[in-house]
N, C-alpha and C. Protein backbone atom coordinates (compact mmCIF):
# COMPACT_ATOMS: atom_id res chain seq x y z
N MET A 1 0.92 -1.16 0.11
CA MET A 1 0.01 0.39 -0.03
C MET A 1 0.77 1.07 -0.26
N SER A 2 0.54 1.89 -1.01
CA SER A 2 1.32 3.71 -1.01
C SER A 2 1.17 4.34 -0.04
N THR A 3 1.81 5.31 0.55
CA THR A 3 1.02 6.45 1.37
C THR A 3 0.71 7.42 0.58
N PRO A 4 -0.20 7.94 0.85
CA PRO A 4 -1.22 9.13 0.09
C PRO A 4 -0.12 10.28 0.68
N PRO A 5 -0.49 11.20 -0.36
CA PRO A 5 0.15 12.54 -0.33
C PRO A 5 -0.22 13.34 0.80
N PRO A 6 0.56 14.20 1.19
CA PRO A 6 0.12 14.95 2.39
C PRO A 6 -0.64 16.17 1.60
N ILE A 7 -1.59 16.74 2.64
CA ILE A 7 -2.81 17.08 2.15
C ILE A 7 -2.21 18.63 2.56
N HIS A 8 -2.19 19.62 1.75
CA HIS A 8 -1.35 21.00 1.67
C HIS A 8 -2.71 21.96 1.88
N HIS A 9 -3.25 22.22 0.95
CA HIS A 9 -4.64 23.21 0.84
C HIS A 9 -5.97 22.17 1.12
N GLU A 10 -6.18 21.44 0.72
CA GLU A 10 -7.67 20.62 0.88
C GLU A 10 -7.56 19.10 -0.06
N LEU A 11 -8.40 18.06 0.68
CA LEU A 11 -8.09 17.24 -0.05
C LEU A 11 -9.46 17.25 -1.30
N SER A 12 -9.32 16.74 -2.59
CA SER A 12 -9.84 17.24 -3.55
C SER A 12 -11.13 15.98 -3.23
N PRO A 13 -12.15 16.31 -3.83
CA PRO A 13 -13.23 15.21 -3.80
C PRO A 13 -12.91 13.89 -4.68
N ASP A 14 -12.26 14.27 -5.75
CA ASP A 14 -11.99 13.07 -6.50
C ASP A 14 -10.48 12.02 -5.19
N GLN A 15 -9.75 12.64 -4.58
CA GLN A 15 -8.96 12.54 -3.80
C GLN A 15 -9.70 11.41 -2.87
N LEU A 16 -10.25 12.25 -2.31
CA LEU A 16 -11.39 11.66 -1.08
C LEU A 16 -11.89 10.54 -1.41
N ARG A 17 -12.86 10.75 -2.21
CA ARG A 17 -13.74 9.26 -2.70
C ARG A 17 -12.48 8.18 -3.02
N ARG A 18 -11.65 8.32 -3.41
CA ARG A 18 -10.31 7.37 -3.76
C ARG A 18 -9.77 6.97 -2.78
N GLU A 19 -9.28 7.53 -1.48
CA GLU A 19 -8.82 7.10 -0.49
C GLU A 19 -9.95 6.50 0.43
N VAL A 20 -11.11 6.51 0.21
CA VAL A 20 -12.51 5.94 0.95
C VAL A 20 -12.37 5.10 0.18
N ALA A 21 -12.58 4.71 -1.28
CA ALA A 21 -12.72 3.99 -1.98
C ALA A 21 -11.60 2.37 -1.25
N ASP A 22 -10.26 2.87 -1.17
CA ASP A 22 -9.18 2.16 -1.48
C ASP A 22 -9.33 1.08 0.15
N LEU A 23 -10.11 1.77 1.16
CA LEU A 23 -9.65 1.60 2.67
C LEU A 23 -11.14 0.54 2.73
N LEU A 24 -12.22 0.47 1.47
CA LEU A 24 -13.30 -0.23 1.33
C LEU A 24 -13.53 -1.30 0.76
N GLY A 25 -11.93 -1.34 0.14
CA GLY A 25 -11.49 -2.55 -1.01
C GLY A 25 -12.65 -2.38 -2.07
N VAL A 26 -13.29 -1.37 -1.92
CA VAL A 26 -14.09 -0.94 -3.45
C VAL A 26 -14.12 -0.13 -4.46
N PRO A 27 -13.91 -0.11 -5.80
CA PRO A 27 -14.27 1.04 -6.86
C PRO A 27 -14.35 2.47 -6.84
N ALA A 28 -13.56 3.16 -6.22
CA ALA A 28 -14.38 4.45 -6.65
C ALA A 28 -15.86 5.33 -6.79
N GLY A 29 -15.80 4.49 -8.14
CA GLY A 29 -17.28 5.12 -8.85
C GLY A 29 -18.07 4.00 -7.96
N GLN A 30 -18.23 3.62 -7.14
CA GLN A 30 -19.20 2.67 -6.62
C GLN A 30 -19.68 3.48 -5.53
N LEU A 31 -18.82 4.45 -5.07
CA LEU A 31 -19.07 5.33 -3.46
C LEU A 31 -20.17 6.37 -3.93
N ALA A 32 -21.13 6.78 -3.56
CA ALA A 32 -22.13 7.70 -3.90
C ALA A 32 -21.75 8.65 -3.07
N ALA A 33 -21.54 10.08 -3.25
CA ALA A 33 -21.38 11.52 -3.02
C ALA A 33 -22.08 11.62 -1.05
N ASP A 34 -23.45 11.53 -1.77
CA ASP A 34 -24.75 12.18 -0.83
C ASP A 34 -25.49 11.06 -0.19
N VAL A 35 -24.65 9.59 -0.16
CA VAL A 35 -25.55 8.40 0.46
C VAL A 35 -24.34 8.44 1.75
N SER A 36 -24.95 8.08 3.32
CA SER A 36 -24.32 8.18 4.37
C SER A 36 -23.21 6.95 4.02
N LEU A 37 -21.90 7.19 4.52
CA LEU A 37 -20.83 5.91 4.42
C LEU A 37 -21.18 4.95 5.25
N PRO A 38 -21.15 5.08 6.40
CA PRO A 38 -21.65 3.82 6.88
C PRO A 38 -22.96 2.93 6.44
N ASP A 39 -24.03 3.23 5.41
CA ASP A 39 -24.65 2.75 4.60
C ASP A 39 -23.65 1.85 3.48
N GLN A 40 -22.62 2.26 2.68
CA GLN A 40 -21.84 2.14 2.35
C GLN A 40 -20.81 1.11 2.38
N GLY A 41 -20.69 0.82 3.72
CA GLY A 41 -19.73 -0.38 3.79
C GLY A 41 -18.82 0.46 5.32
N LEU A 42 -18.76 1.89 5.31
CA LEU A 42 -17.62 2.47 6.34
C LEU A 42 -18.13 2.57 7.85
N ASP A 43 -17.05 1.45 8.73
CA ASP A 43 -17.72 1.37 10.26
C ASP A 43 -16.38 2.15 11.14
N SER A 44 -16.67 2.10 12.24
CA SER A 44 -15.84 3.13 12.95
C SER A 44 -14.42 3.02 13.04
N VAL A 45 -13.84 1.60 12.84
CA VAL A 45 -12.09 1.29 12.77
C VAL A 45 -12.33 2.15 11.55
N ARG A 46 -12.84 1.60 10.53
CA ARG A 46 -12.08 2.42 9.30
C ARG A 46 -12.20 3.98 9.46
N LEU A 47 -13.57 4.42 9.57
CA LEU A 47 -13.39 6.15 9.94
C LEU A 47 -12.25 6.51 10.90
N MET A 48 -11.89 5.76 11.99
CA MET A 48 -10.51 6.34 12.87
C MET A 48 -9.35 6.37 11.90
N THR A 49 -9.44 5.23 11.30
CA THR A 49 -8.41 4.99 10.38
C THR A 49 -8.27 6.37 9.16
N LEU A 50 -9.18 6.82 8.57
CA LEU A 50 -8.94 7.39 7.49
C LEU A 50 -8.58 9.32 8.61
N VAL A 51 -9.44 9.07 9.80
CA VAL A 51 -9.22 10.10 10.96
C VAL A 51 -7.37 10.85 11.32
N GLU A 52 -7.02 9.52 11.18
CA GLU A 52 -5.89 9.47 12.03
C GLU A 52 -4.73 9.65 10.78
N ASN A 53 -5.01 8.99 9.92
CA ASN A 53 -4.24 9.32 8.18
C ASN A 53 -4.02 11.01 7.55
N TRP A 54 -5.55 11.57 7.88
CA TRP A 54 -5.64 12.97 7.64
C TRP A 54 -5.34 14.35 8.10
N ARG A 55 -4.96 13.57 9.69
CA ARG A 55 -4.42 14.48 10.89
C ARG A 55 -3.21 14.46 10.70
N ALA A 56 -3.03 13.25 10.45
CA ALA A 56 -1.24 13.19 9.92
C ALA A 56 -0.71 13.87 9.08
N ARG A 57 -1.41 14.11 8.13
CA ARG A 57 -1.01 14.87 7.18
C ARG A 57 -1.55 16.13 7.24
N GLY A 58 -1.97 16.75 8.07
CA GLY A 58 -1.90 18.43 8.32
C GLY A 58 -3.79 18.52 8.48
N ALA A 59 -4.84 17.73 8.21
CA ALA A 59 -6.11 18.11 8.15
C ALA A 59 -6.57 18.02 9.71
N GLU A 60 -7.49 19.28 10.03
CA GLU A 60 -7.86 19.60 11.23
C GLU A 60 -9.22 18.93 11.57
N LEU A 61 -9.31 17.92 11.72
CA LEU A 61 -10.71 17.35 11.88
C LEU A 61 -10.24 16.08 12.91
N THR A 62 -11.74 15.97 13.32
CA THR A 62 -12.09 14.49 14.48
C THR A 62 -12.84 13.74 13.94
N PHE A 63 -12.92 12.82 14.63
CA PHE A 63 -13.54 11.67 14.15
C PHE A 63 -14.70 11.93 14.39
N ALA A 64 -15.76 12.81 15.15
CA ALA A 64 -16.66 13.59 15.04
C ALA A 64 -17.31 14.26 14.76
N ASP A 65 -16.16 14.87 13.90
CA ASP A 65 -16.64 16.07 12.51
C ASP A 65 -16.86 14.94 11.61
N LEU A 66 -16.54 13.73 11.55
CA LEU A 66 -16.79 12.99 10.15
C LEU A 66 -17.56 12.31 10.51
N ALA A 67 -17.94 11.72 11.98
CA ALA A 67 -19.03 10.80 12.23
C ALA A 67 -20.99 11.45 11.94
N GLU A 68 -20.33 12.86 12.38
CA GLU A 68 -21.61 13.79 12.37
C GLU A 68 -22.05 13.86 11.08
N ARG A 69 -21.37 13.94 9.65
CA ARG A 69 -21.08 14.04 8.64
C ARG A 69 -20.96 13.33 7.88
N PRO A 70 -21.97 12.31 8.11
CA PRO A 70 -21.23 10.81 6.94
C PRO A 70 -21.76 10.64 5.39
N THR A 71 -21.21 11.75 4.78
CA THR A 71 -21.24 11.74 3.41
C THR A 71 -20.12 12.24 2.96
N LEU A 72 -19.53 11.67 2.04
CA LEU A 72 -18.83 12.02 1.00
C LEU A 72 -18.54 13.91 0.95
N LYS A 73 -19.65 14.31 0.12
CA LYS A 73 -20.00 15.64 0.37
C LYS A 73 -20.19 16.70 1.35
N GLU A 74 -20.21 15.62 2.08
CA GLU A 74 -20.40 16.62 4.06
C GLU A 74 -18.53 16.92 4.07
N TRP A 75 -18.13 15.69 4.05
CA TRP A 75 -16.38 15.71 4.12
C TRP A 75 -15.50 16.58 3.12
N SER A 76 -16.13 16.69 1.67
CA SER A 76 -15.22 17.49 0.81
C SER A 76 -15.67 18.85 1.35
N GLU A 77 -16.56 19.27 2.01
CA GLU A 77 -16.92 20.96 2.35
C GLU A 77 -16.37 21.16 3.66
N LEU A 78 -16.13 19.86 4.58
CA LEU A 78 -15.65 20.47 5.86
C LEU A 78 -14.23 20.74 5.45
N LEU A 79 -13.49 19.37 4.80
CA LEU A 79 -12.12 19.64 4.60
C LEU A 79 -11.38 20.75 4.03
N ALA A 80 -12.38 21.09 3.09
CA ALA A 80 -11.91 22.23 2.37
C ALA A 80 -12.26 23.72 3.38
N ILE A 81 -13.29 23.68 4.50
CA ILE A 81 -13.66 24.91 5.22
C ILE A 81 -12.47 25.09 6.26
N ARG A 82 -12.07 23.88 6.62
CA ARG A 82 -10.91 23.87 7.53
C ARG A 82 -9.63 24.15 6.91
N ALA A 83 -9.30 23.69 5.50
CA ALA A 83 -7.89 24.01 5.01
C ALA A 83 -7.59 25.40 4.86
N GLY A 84 -8.84 25.63 4.93
CA GLY A 84 -9.37 27.70 4.45
C GLY A 84 -8.56 28.42 6.16
N HIS A 85 -8.55 27.59 7.34
CA HIS A 85 -8.83 28.05 8.74
C HIS A 85 -7.24 27.83 8.69
N HIS A 86 -5.93 27.62 8.40
CA HIS A 86 -4.95 27.19 8.69
C HIS A 86 -4.25 28.41 9.47
N GLY A 87 -3.47 28.25 10.49
CA GLY A 87 -2.90 29.39 11.38
C GLY A 87 -2.02 29.93 10.58
């Protein structure tokens, strides 16, 4: 498994979809942007893995941030907003 690139400004919606799909072992095109990710197979352990990976790469988010907004669309919006608030 290759190391994902660092998050400098924001994780693009396509990159976000690819990383989630890779973790779930499904084609990226299979994930719907507006359907709850738990309904698409994402469990709390995998969610925590994503949070830790993205935090290690500079994303400012928590498990609760993503759990409260469980769609790819909401995650993209959240990551874009948070990337704009780096100190």
